[in-house]
PDB file of all heavy atoms in Angstrom:
ATOM      1  N   ALA A   1      44.310 -10.426 -20.975  1.00  0.00           N
ATOM      2  CA  ALA A   1      44.421 -11.110 -22.263  1.00  0.00           C
ATOM      3  C   ALA A   1      43.613 -12.405 -22.264  1.00  0.00           C
ATOM      4  O   ALA A   1      42.889 -12.708 -23.225  1.00  0.00           O
ATOM      5  CB  ALA A   1      45.891 -11.384 -22.575  1.00  0.00           C
ATOM      6  N   LYS A   2      43.714 -13.160 -21.180  1.00  0.00           N
ATOM      7  CA  LYS A   2      43.007 -14.438 -21.095  1.00  0.00           C
ATOM      8  C   LYS A   2      41.509 -14.234 -20.949  1.00  0.00           C
ATOM      9  O   LYS A   2      40.706 -14.911 -21.619  1.00  0.00           O
ATOM     10  CB  LYS A   2      43.550 -15.246 -19.915  1.00  0.00           C
ATOM     11  CG  LYS A   2      42.881 -16.597 -19.737  1.00  0.00           C
ATOM     12  CD  LYS A   2      43.483 -17.356 -18.557  1.00  0.00           C
ATOM     13  CE  LYS A   2      42.801 -18.713 -18.366  1.00  0.00           C
ATOM     14  NZ  LYS A   2      43.378 -19.451 -17.201  1.00  0.00           N
ATOM     15  N   LYS A   3      41.108 -13.296 -20.110  1.00  0.00           N
ATOM     16  CA  LYS A   3      39.690 -13.098 -19.815  1.00  0.00           C
ATOM     17  C   LYS A   3      38.922 -12.568 -21.018  1.00  0.00           C
ATOM     18  O   LYS A   3      37.779 -12.974 -21.273  1.00  0.00           O
ATOM     19  CB  LYS A   3      39.528 -12.142 -18.633  1.00  0.00           C
ATOM     20  CG  LYS A   3      38.077 -11.936 -18.198  1.00  0.00           C
ATOM     21  CD  LYS A   3      37.987 -11.107 -16.938  1.00  0.00           C
ATOM     22  CE  LYS A   3      36.530 -10.951 -16.489  1.00  0.00           C
ATOM     23  NZ  LYS A   3      36.416 -10.178 -15.228  1.00  0.00           N
ATOM     24  N   TYR A   4      39.533 -11.656 -21.778  1.00  0.00           N
ATOM     25  CA  TYR A   4      38.827 -11.009 -22.880  1.00  0.00           C
ATOM     26  C   TYR A   4      39.281 -11.497 -24.263  1.00  0.00           C
ATOM     27  O   TYR A   4      38.848 -10.951 -25.277  1.00  0.00           O
ATOM     28  CB  TYR A   4      38.998  -9.494 -22.783  1.00  0.00           C
ATOM     29  CG  TYR A   4      38.405  -8.916 -21.522  1.00  0.00           C
ATOM     30  CD1 TYR A   4      39.219  -8.541 -20.460  1.00  0.00           C
ATOM     31  CD2 TYR A   4      37.028  -8.775 -21.378  1.00  0.00           C
ATOM     32  CE1 TYR A   4      38.678  -8.024 -19.284  1.00  0.00           C
ATOM     33  CE2 TYR A   4      36.475  -8.257 -20.215  1.00  0.00           C
ATOM     34  CZ  TYR A   4      37.315  -7.884 -19.172  1.00  0.00           C
ATOM     35  OH  TYR A   4      36.765  -7.379 -18.019  1.00  0.00           O
ATOM     36  N   GLY A   5      40.122 -12.511 -24.288  1.00  0.00           N
ATOM     37  CA  GLY A   5      40.553 -13.060 -25.558  1.00  0.00           C
ATOM     38  C   GLY A   5      41.403 -12.110 -26.381  1.00  0.00           C
ATOM     39  O   GLY A   5      41.339 -12.110 -27.617  1.00  0.00           O
ATOM     40  N   ARG A   6      42.220 -11.321 -25.717  1.00  0.00           N
ATOM     41  CA  ARG A   6      43.094 -10.364 -26.405  1.00  0.00           C
ATOM     42  C   ARG A   6      44.522 -10.893 -26.431  1.00  0.00           C
ATOM     43  O   ARG A   6      44.886 -11.792 -25.673  1.00  0.00           O
ATOM     44  CB  ARG A   6      43.065  -9.007 -25.700  1.00  0.00           C
ATOM     45  CG  ARG A   6      41.686  -8.367 -25.620  1.00  0.00           C
ATOM     46  CD  ARG A   6      41.721  -7.102 -24.786  1.00  0.00           C
ATOM     47  NE  ARG A   6      40.392  -6.527 -24.636  1.00  0.00           N
ATOM     48  CZ  ARG A   6      40.122  -5.494 -23.848  1.00  0.00           C
ATOM     49  NH1 ARG A   6      41.098  -4.935 -23.134  1.00  0.00           N
ATOM     50  NH2 ARG A   6      38.883  -5.023 -23.758  1.00  0.00           N
ATOM     51  N   SER A   7      45.311 -10.290 -27.302  1.00  0.00           N
ATOM     52  CA  SER A   7      46.730 -10.622 -27.297  1.00  0.00           C
ATOM     53  C   SER A   7      47.382  -9.900 -26.124  1.00  0.00           C
ATOM     54  O   SER A   7      46.824  -8.944 -25.568  1.00  0.00           O
ATOM     55  CB  SER A   7      47.387 -10.177 -28.604  1.00  0.00           C
ATOM     56  OG  SER A   7      47.419  -8.751 -28.687  1.00  0.00           O
ATOM     57  N   LEU A   8      48.566 -10.346 -25.749  1.00  0.00           N
ATOM     58  CA  LEU A   8      49.287  -9.686 -24.659  1.00  0.00           C
ATOM     59  C   LEU A   8      49.588  -8.243 -25.009  1.00  0.00           C
ATOM     60  O   LEU A   8      49.517  -7.348 -24.146  1.00  0.00           O
ATOM     61  CB  LEU A   8      50.584 -10.443 -24.359  1.00  0.00           C
ATOM     62  CG  LEU A   8      50.424 -11.822 -23.708  1.00  0.00           C
ATOM     63  CD1 LEU A   8      51.780 -12.499 -23.569  1.00  0.00           C
ATOM     64  CD2 LEU A   8      49.754 -11.700 -22.336  1.00  0.00           C
ATOM     65  N   GLU A   9      49.898  -7.967 -26.269  1.00  0.00           N
ATOM     66  CA  GLU A   9      50.196  -6.594 -26.683  1.00  0.00           C
ATOM     67  C   GLU A   9      48.949  -5.721 -26.602  1.00  0.00           C
ATOM     68  O   GLU A   9      49.010  -4.558 -26.192  1.00  0.00           O
ATOM     69  CB  GLU A   9      50.763  -6.571 -28.103  1.00  0.00           C
ATOM     70  CG  GLU A   9      51.110  -5.174 -28.605  1.00  0.00           C
ATOM     71  CD  GLU A   9      52.044  -4.404 -27.663  1.00  0.00           C
ATOM     72  OE1 GLU A   9      52.936  -5.032 -27.058  1.00  0.00           O
ATOM     73  OE2 GLU A   9      51.869  -3.181 -27.530  1.00  0.00           O
ATOM     74  N   GLN A  10      47.803  -6.254 -26.987  1.00  0.00           N
ATOM     75  CA  GLN A  10      46.557  -5.491 -26.877  1.00  0.00           C
ATOM     76  C   GLN A  10      46.239  -5.179 -25.420  1.00  0.00           C
ATOM     77  O   GLN A  10      45.817  -4.067 -25.090  1.00  0.00           O
ATOM     78  CB  GLN A  10      45.411  -6.279 -27.516  1.00  0.00           C
ATOM     79  CG  GLN A  10      45.451  -6.343 -29.027  1.00  0.00           C
ATOM     80  CD  GLN A  10      44.371  -7.261 -29.584  1.00  0.00           C
ATOM     81  OE1 GLN A  10      44.039  -8.292 -28.993  1.00  0.00           O
ATOM     82  NE2 GLN A  10      43.818  -6.892 -30.740  1.00  0.00           N
ATOM     83  N   ALA A  11      46.434  -6.167 -24.554  1.00  0.00           N
ATOM     84  CA  ALA A  11      46.175  -5.952 -23.126  1.00  0.00           C
ATOM     85  C   ALA A  11      47.142  -4.925 -22.551  1.00  0.00           C
ATOM     86  O   ALA A  11      46.751  -4.057 -21.760  1.00  0.00           O
ATOM     87  CB  ALA A  11      46.291  -7.270 -22.371  1.00  0.00           C
ATOM     88  N   ALA A  12      48.399  -5.005 -22.962  1.00  0.00           N
ATOM     89  CA  ALA A  12      49.405  -4.051 -22.481  1.00  0.00           C
ATOM     90  C   ALA A  12      49.095  -2.647 -22.982  1.00  0.00           C
ATOM     91  O   ALA A  12      49.276  -1.660 -22.252  1.00  0.00           O
ATOM     92  CB  ALA A  12      50.796  -4.483 -22.934  1.00  0.00           C
ATOM     93  N   ASP A  13      48.607  -2.561 -24.220  1.00  0.00           N
ATOM     94  CA  ASP A  13      48.252  -1.248 -24.770  1.00  0.00           C
ATOM     95  C   ASP A  13      47.091  -0.644 -23.992  1.00  0.00           C
ATOM     96  O   ASP A  13      47.051   0.565 -23.752  1.00  0.00           O
ATOM     97  CB  ASP A  13      47.888  -1.384 -26.244  1.00  0.00           C
ATOM     98  CG  ASP A  13      47.603  -0.033 -26.890  1.00  0.00           C
ATOM     99  OD1 ASP A  13      48.510   0.830 -26.878  1.00  0.00           O
ATOM    100  OD2 ASP A  13      46.475   0.172 -27.389  1.00  0.00           O
ATOM    101  N   GLY A  14      46.143  -1.494 -23.586  1.00  0.00           N
ATOM    102  CA  GLY A  14      45.036  -1.002 -22.771  1.00  0.00           C
ATOM    103  C   GLY A  14      45.512  -0.437 -21.448  1.00  0.00           C
ATOM    104  O   GLY A  14      45.009   0.595 -20.979  1.00  0.00           O
ATOM    105  N   GLU A  15      46.499  -1.089 -20.854  1.00  0.00           N
ATOM    106  CA  GLU A  15      47.066  -0.583 -19.612  1.00  0.00           C
ATOM    107  C   GLU A  15      47.742   0.768 -19.822  1.00  0.00           C
ATOM    108  O   GLU A  15      47.632   1.671 -18.992  1.00  0.00           O
ATOM    109  CB  GLU A  15      48.072  -1.592 -19.047  1.00  0.00           C
ATOM    110  CG  GLU A  15      47.457  -2.722 -18.246  1.00  0.00           C
ATOM    111  CD  GLU A  15      46.855  -2.221 -16.943  1.00  0.00           C
ATOM    112  OE1 GLU A  15      47.608  -1.918 -15.995  1.00  0.00           O
ATOM    113  OE2 GLU A  15      45.617  -2.113 -16.886  1.00  0.00           O
ATOM    114  N   ARG A  16      48.424   0.915 -20.948  1.00  0.00           N
ATOM    115  CA  ARG A  16      49.081   2.193 -21.237  1.00  0.00           C
ATOM    116  C   ARG A  16      48.048   3.306 -21.428  1.00  0.00           C
ATOM    117  O   ARG A  16      48.261   4.440 -20.980  1.00  0.00           O
ATOM    118  CB  ARG A  16      49.970   2.059 -22.474  1.00  0.00           C
ATOM    119  CG  ARG A  16      51.239   1.239 -22.239  1.00  0.00           C
ATOM    120  CD  ARG A  16      52.198   1.322 -23.408  1.00  0.00           C
ATOM    121  NE  ARG A  16      51.701   0.590 -24.569  1.00  0.00           N
ATOM    122  CZ  ARG A  16      51.976  -0.676 -24.821  1.00  0.00           C
ATOM    123  NH1 ARG A  16      52.741  -1.378 -23.981  1.00  0.00           N
ATOM    124  NH2 ARG A  16      51.507  -1.264 -25.906  1.00  0.00           N
ATOM    125  N   GLN A  17      46.948   2.985 -22.063  1.00  0.00           N
ATOM    126  CA  GLN A  17      45.894   3.986 -22.238  1.00  0.00           C
ATOM    127  C   GLN A  17      45.276   4.381 -20.901  1.00  0.00           C
ATOM    128  O   GLN A  17      44.990   5.559 -20.656  1.00  0.00           O
ATOM    129  CB  GLN A  17      44.821   3.441 -23.178  1.00  0.00           C
ATOM    130  CG  GLN A  17      45.283   3.265 -24.617  1.00  0.00           C
ATOM    131  CD  GLN A  17      44.173   2.744 -25.516  1.00  0.00           C
ATOM    132  OE1 GLN A  17      43.009   3.131 -25.371  1.00  0.00           O
ATOM    133  NE2 GLN A  17      44.521   1.856 -26.426  1.00  0.00           N
ATOM    134  N   LEU A  18      45.069   3.396 -20.047  1.00  0.00           N
ATOM    135  CA  LEU A  18      44.549   3.695 -18.717  1.00  0.00           C
ATOM    136  C   LEU A  18      45.527   4.547 -17.927  1.00  0.00           C
ATOM    137  O   LEU A  18      45.139   5.471 -17.211  1.00  0.00           O
ATOM    138  CB  LEU A  18      44.271   2.388 -17.959  1.00  0.00           C
ATOM    139  CG  LEU A  18      43.012   1.629 -18.373  1.00  0.00           C
ATOM    140  CD1 LEU A  18      43.021   0.228 -17.777  1.00  0.00           C
ATOM    141  CD2 LEU A  18      41.771   2.390 -17.912  1.00  0.00           C
ATOM    142  N   GLY A  19      46.812   4.240 -18.074  1.00  0.00           N
ATOM    143  CA  GLY A  19      47.825   5.031 -17.397  1.00  0.00           C
ATOM    144  C   GLY A  19      47.819   6.479 -17.846  1.00  0.00           C
ATOM    145  O   GLY A  19      47.958   7.403 -17.029  1.00  0.00           O
ATOM    146  N   ALA A  20      47.634   6.699 -19.143  1.00  0.00           N
ATOM    147  CA  ALA A  20      47.594   8.064 -19.665  1.00  0.00           C
ATOM    148  C   ALA A  20      46.384   8.821 -19.118  1.00  0.00           C
ATOM    149  O   ALA A  20      46.483   9.997 -18.747  1.00  0.00           O
ATOM    150  CB  ALA A  20      47.550   8.033 -21.192  1.00  0.00           C
ATOM    151  N   ALA A  21      45.227   8.141 -19.047  1.00  0.00           N
ATOM    152  CA  ALA A  21      44.024   8.787 -18.508  1.00  0.00           C
ATOM    153  C   ALA A  21      44.203   9.113 -17.031  1.00  0.00           C
ATOM    154  O   ALA A  21      43.785  10.181 -16.558  1.00  0.00           O
ATOM    155  CB  ALA A  21      42.816   7.871 -18.709  1.00  0.00           C
ATOM    156  N   ALA A  22      44.829   8.192 -16.294  1.00  0.00           N
ATOM    157  CA  ALA A  22      45.070   8.432 -14.873  1.00  0.00           C
ATOM    158  C   ALA A  22      46.033   9.603 -14.679  1.00  0.00           C
ATOM    159  O   ALA A  22      45.802  10.470 -13.825  1.00  0.00           O
ATOM    160  CB  ALA A  22      45.626   7.173 -14.214  1.00  0.00           C
ATOM    161  N   ASN A  23      47.090   9.629 -15.455  1.00  0.00           N
ATOM    162  CA  ASN A  23      48.065  10.725 -15.356  1.00  0.00           C
ATOM    163  C   ASN A  23      47.414  12.059 -15.669  1.00  0.00           C
ATOM    164  O   ASN A  23      47.702  13.069 -15.016  1.00  0.00           O
ATOM    165  CB  ASN A  23      49.228  10.490 -16.309  1.00  0.00           C
ATOM    166  CG  ASN A  23      50.087   9.290 -15.935  1.00  0.00           C
ATOM    167  OD1 ASN A  23      50.823   8.760 -16.766  1.00  0.00           O
ATOM    168  ND2 ASN A  23      50.008   8.822 -14.688  1.00  0.00           N
ATOM    169  N   GLU A  24      46.528  12.077 -16.659  1.00  0.00           N
ATOM    170  CA  GLU A  24      45.828  13.311 -17.023  1.00  0.00           C
ATOM    171  C   GLU A  24      44.972  13.816 -15.871  1.00  0.00           C
ATOM    172  O   GLU A  24      44.797  15.021 -15.682  1.00  0.00           O
ATOM    173  CB  GLU A  24      44.959  13.071 -18.253  1.00  0.00           C
ATOM    174  CG  GLU A  24      44.264  14.329 -18.765  1.00  0.00           C
ATOM    175  CD  GLU A  24      43.434  14.075 -20.013  1.00  0.00           C
ATOM    176  OE1 GLU A  24      43.490  12.948 -20.552  1.00  0.00           O
ATOM    177  OE2 GLU A  24      42.735  15.003 -20.445  1.00  0.00           O
ATOM    178  N   ALA A  25      44.446  12.880 -15.078  1.00  0.00           N
ATOM    179  CA  ALA A  25      43.619  13.256 -13.921  1.00  0.00           C
ATOM    180  C   ALA A  25      44.459  13.592 -12.701  1.00  0.00           C
ATOM    181  O   ALA A  25      43.924  13.973 -11.663  1.00  0.00           O
ATOM    182  CB  ALA A  25      42.656  12.116 -13.587  1.00  0.00           C
ATOM    183  N   GLY A  26      45.788  13.434 -12.820  1.00  0.00           N
ATOM    184  CA  GLY A  26      46.669  13.745 -11.701  1.00  0.00           C
ATOM    185  C   GLY A  26      46.991  12.566 -10.825  1.00  0.00           C
ATOM    186  O   GLY A  26      47.404  12.738  -9.666  1.00  0.00           O
ATOM    187  N   LEU A  27      46.840  11.354 -11.360  1.00  0.00           N
ATOM    188  CA  LEU A  27      47.089  10.140 -10.593  1.00  0.00           C
ATOM    189  C   LEU A  27      48.333   9.419 -11.107  1.00  0.00           C
ATOM    190  O   LEU A  27      48.639   9.459 -12.297  1.00  0.00           O
ATOM    191  CB  LEU A  27      45.896   9.187 -10.707  1.00  0.00           C
ATOM    192  CG  LEU A  27      44.572   9.654 -10.113  1.00  0.00           C
ATOM    193  CD1 LEU A  27      43.456   8.696 -10.530  1.00  0.00           C
ATOM    194  CD2 LEU A  27      44.642   9.738  -8.598  1.00  0.00           C
ATOM    195  N   GLU A  28      49.007   8.733 -10.203  1.00  0.00           N
ATOM    196  CA  GLU A  28      50.114   7.862 -10.594  1.00  0.00           C
ATOM    197  C   GLU A  28      49.546   6.530 -11.067  1.00  0.00           C
ATOM    198  O   GLU A  28      48.521   6.071 -10.560  1.00  0.00           O
ATOM    199  CB  GLU A  28      51.055   7.620  -9.420  1.00  0.00           C
ATOM    200  CG  GLU A  28      51.765   8.855  -8.905  1.00  0.00           C
ATOM    201  CD  GLU A  28      52.690   8.522  -7.747  1.00  0.00           C
ATOM    202  OE1 GLU A  28      53.663   7.770  -7.978  1.00  0.00           O
ATOM    203  OE2 GLU A  28      52.414   8.983  -6.632  1.00  0.00           O
ATOM    204  N   TYR A  29      50.218   5.904 -12.048  1.00  0.00           N
ATOM    205  CA  TYR A  29      49.731   4.632 -12.571  1.00  0.00           C
ATOM    206  C   TYR A  29      50.891   3.850 -13.159  1.00  0.00           C
ATOM    207  O   TYR A  29      51.563   4.311 -14.080  1.00  0.00           O
ATOM    208  CB  TYR A  29      48.672   4.882 -13.649  1.00  0.00           C
ATOM    209  CG  TYR A  29      47.840   3.664 -14.015  1.00  0.00           C
ATOM    210  CD1 TYR A  29      46.555   3.517 -13.509  1.00  0.00           C
ATOM    211  CD2 TYR A  29      48.335   2.679 -14.862  1.00  0.00           C
ATOM    212  CE1 TYR A  29      45.777   2.414 -13.844  1.00  0.00           C
ATOM    213  CE2 TYR A  29      47.573   1.571 -15.200  1.00  0.00           C
ATOM    214  CZ  TYR A  29      46.288   1.445 -14.691  1.00  0.00           C
ATOM    215  OH  TYR A  29      45.527   0.356 -15.026  1.00  0.00           O
ATOM    216  N   VAL A  30      51.122   2.659 -12.604  1.00  0.00           N
ATOM    217  CA  VAL A  30      52.172   1.782 -13.109  1.00  0.00           C
ATOM    218  C   VAL A  30      51.576   0.941 -14.239  1.00  0.00           C
ATOM    219  O   VAL A  30      50.612   0.199 -14.021  1.00  0.00           O
ATOM    220  CB  VAL A  30      52.702   0.861 -11.985  1.00  0.00           C
ATOM    221  CG1 VAL A  30      53.732  -0.112 -12.551  1.00  0.00           C
ATOM    222  CG2 VAL A  30      53.324   1.694 -10.876  1.00  0.00           C
ATOM    223  N   THR A  31      52.109   1.044 -15.441  1.00  0.00           N
ATOM    224  CA  THR A  31      51.486   0.412 -16.596  1.00  0.00           C
ATOM    225  C   THR A  31      52.003  -0.998 -16.885  1.00  0.00           C
ATOM    226  O   THR A  31      51.512  -1.659 -17.798  1.00  0.00           O
ATOM    227  CB  THR A  31      51.691   1.274 -17.850  1.00  0.00           C
ATOM    228  OG1 THR A  31      53.092   1.461 -18.074  1.00  0.00           O
ATOM    229  CG2 THR A  31      51.032   2.642 -17.677  1.00  0.00           C
ATOM    230  N   SER A  32      52.969  -1.464 -16.132  1.00  0.00           N
ATOM    231  CA  SER A  32      53.449  -2.831 -16.339  1.00  0.00           C
ATOM    232  C   SER A  32      53.844  -3.438 -14.997  1.00  0.00           C
ATOM    233  O   SER A  32      54.263  -2.727 -14.082  1.00  0.00           O
ATOM    234  CB  SER A  32      54.654  -2.849 -17.289  1.00  0.00           C
ATOM    235  OG  SER A  32      55.737  -2.134 -16.738  1.00  0.00           O
ATOM    236  N   GLY A  33      53.666  -4.750 -14.900  1.00  0.00           N
ATOM    237  CA  GLY A  33      54.077  -5.451 -13.691  1.00  0.00           C
ATOM    238  C   GLY A  33      53.027  -5.523 -12.600  1.00  0.00           C
ATOM    239  O   GLY A  33      53.256  -6.163 -11.567  1.00  0.00           O
ATOM    240  N   ARG A  34      51.858  -4.865 -12.782  1.00  0.00           N
ATOM    241  CA  ARG A  34      50.822  -4.938 -11.742  1.00  0.00           C
ATOM    242  C   ARG A  34      50.229  -6.338 -11.668  1.00  0.00           C
ATOM    243  O   ARG A  34      50.259  -7.094 -12.631  1.00  0.00           O
ATOM    244  CB  ARG A  34      49.713  -3.925 -12.019  1.00  0.00           C
ATOM    245  CG  ARG A  34      50.124  -2.480 -11.929  1.00  0.00           C
ATOM    246  CD  ARG A  34      48.928  -1.538 -11.779  1.00  0.00           C
ATOM    247  NE  ARG A  34      47.908  -1.729 -12.783  1.00  0.00           N
ATOM    248  CZ  ARG A  34      46.741  -2.326 -12.576  1.00  0.00           C
ATOM    249  NH1 ARG A  34      46.446  -2.824 -11.375  1.00  0.00           N
ATOM    250  NH2 ARG A  34      45.852  -2.455 -13.543  1.00  0.00           N
ATOM    251  N   ASP A  35      49.651  -6.662 -10.509  1.00  0.00           N
ATOM    252  CA  ASP A  35      49.004  -7.953 -10.362  1.00  0.00           C
ATOM    253  C   ASP A  35      47.522  -7.768 -10.046  1.00  0.00           C
ATOM    254  O   ASP A  35      47.045  -6.640  -9.841  1.00  0.00           O
ATOM    255  CB  ASP A  35      49.694  -8.800  -9.286  1.00  0.00           C
ATOM    256  CG  ASP A  35      49.498  -8.257  -7.877  1.00  0.00           C
ATOM    257  OD1 ASP A  35      49.300  -7.031  -7.734  1.00  0.00           O
ATOM    258  OD2 ASP A  35      49.560  -9.050  -6.920  1.00  0.00           O
ATOM    259  N   SER A  36      46.800  -8.862 -10.027  1.00  0.00           N
ATOM    260  CA  SER A  36      45.384  -8.850  -9.672  1.00  0.00           C
ATOM    261  C   SER A  36      45.098 -10.084  -8.831  1.00  0.00           C
ATOM    262  O   SER A  36      45.914 -11.009  -8.759  1.00  0.00           O
ATOM    263  CB  SER A  36      44.502  -8.849 -10.929  1.00  0.00           C
ATOM    264  OG  SER A  36      44.680 -10.045 -11.665  1.00  0.00           O
ATOM    265  N   GLY A  37      43.935 -10.099  -8.188  1.00  0.00           N
ATOM    266  CA  GLY A  37      43.612 -11.235  -7.340  1.00  0.00           C
ATOM    267  C   GLY A  37      42.306 -11.040  -6.612  1.00  0.00           C
ATOM    268  O   GLY A  37      41.520 -10.136  -6.924  1.00  0.00           O
ATOM    269  N   ASN A  38      42.058 -11.872  -5.627  1.00  0.00           N
ATOM    270  CA  ASN A  38      40.845 -11.821  -4.830  1.00  0.00           C
ATOM    271  C   ASN A  38      40.887 -10.608  -3.896  1.00  0.00           C
ATOM    272  O   ASN A  38      41.865 -10.406  -3.181  1.00  0.00           O
ATOM    273  CB  ASN A  38      40.712 -13.118  -4.021  1.00  0.00           C
ATOM    274  CG  ASN A  38      39.388 -13.218  -3.303  1.00  0.00           C
ATOM    275  OD1 ASN A  38      39.131 -12.481  -2.364  1.00  0.00           O
ATOM    276  ND2 ASN A  38      38.548 -14.143  -3.739  1.00  0.00           N
ATOM    277  N   SER A  39      39.811  -9.822  -3.902  1.00  0.00           N
ATOM    278  CA  SER A  39      39.797  -8.571  -3.134  1.00  0.00           C
ATOM    279  C   SER A  39      38.910  -8.630  -1.894  1.00  0.00           C
ATOM    280  O   SER A  39      38.680  -7.595  -1.248  1.00  0.00           O
ATOM    281  CB  SER A  39      39.337  -7.412  -4.032  1.00  0.00           C
ATOM    282  OG  SER A  39      38.044  -7.671  -4.558  1.00  0.00           O
TER     283      SER A  39
END
């Protein structure tokens, strides 16, 4: 939301869409509560 200037709901919706695409490919995907950081 901060990086791309989106609302929290828009960012959360993007995560849900990614989760659906991952599930369709046979992958598990947690759509809320994930974190990010230095890799």
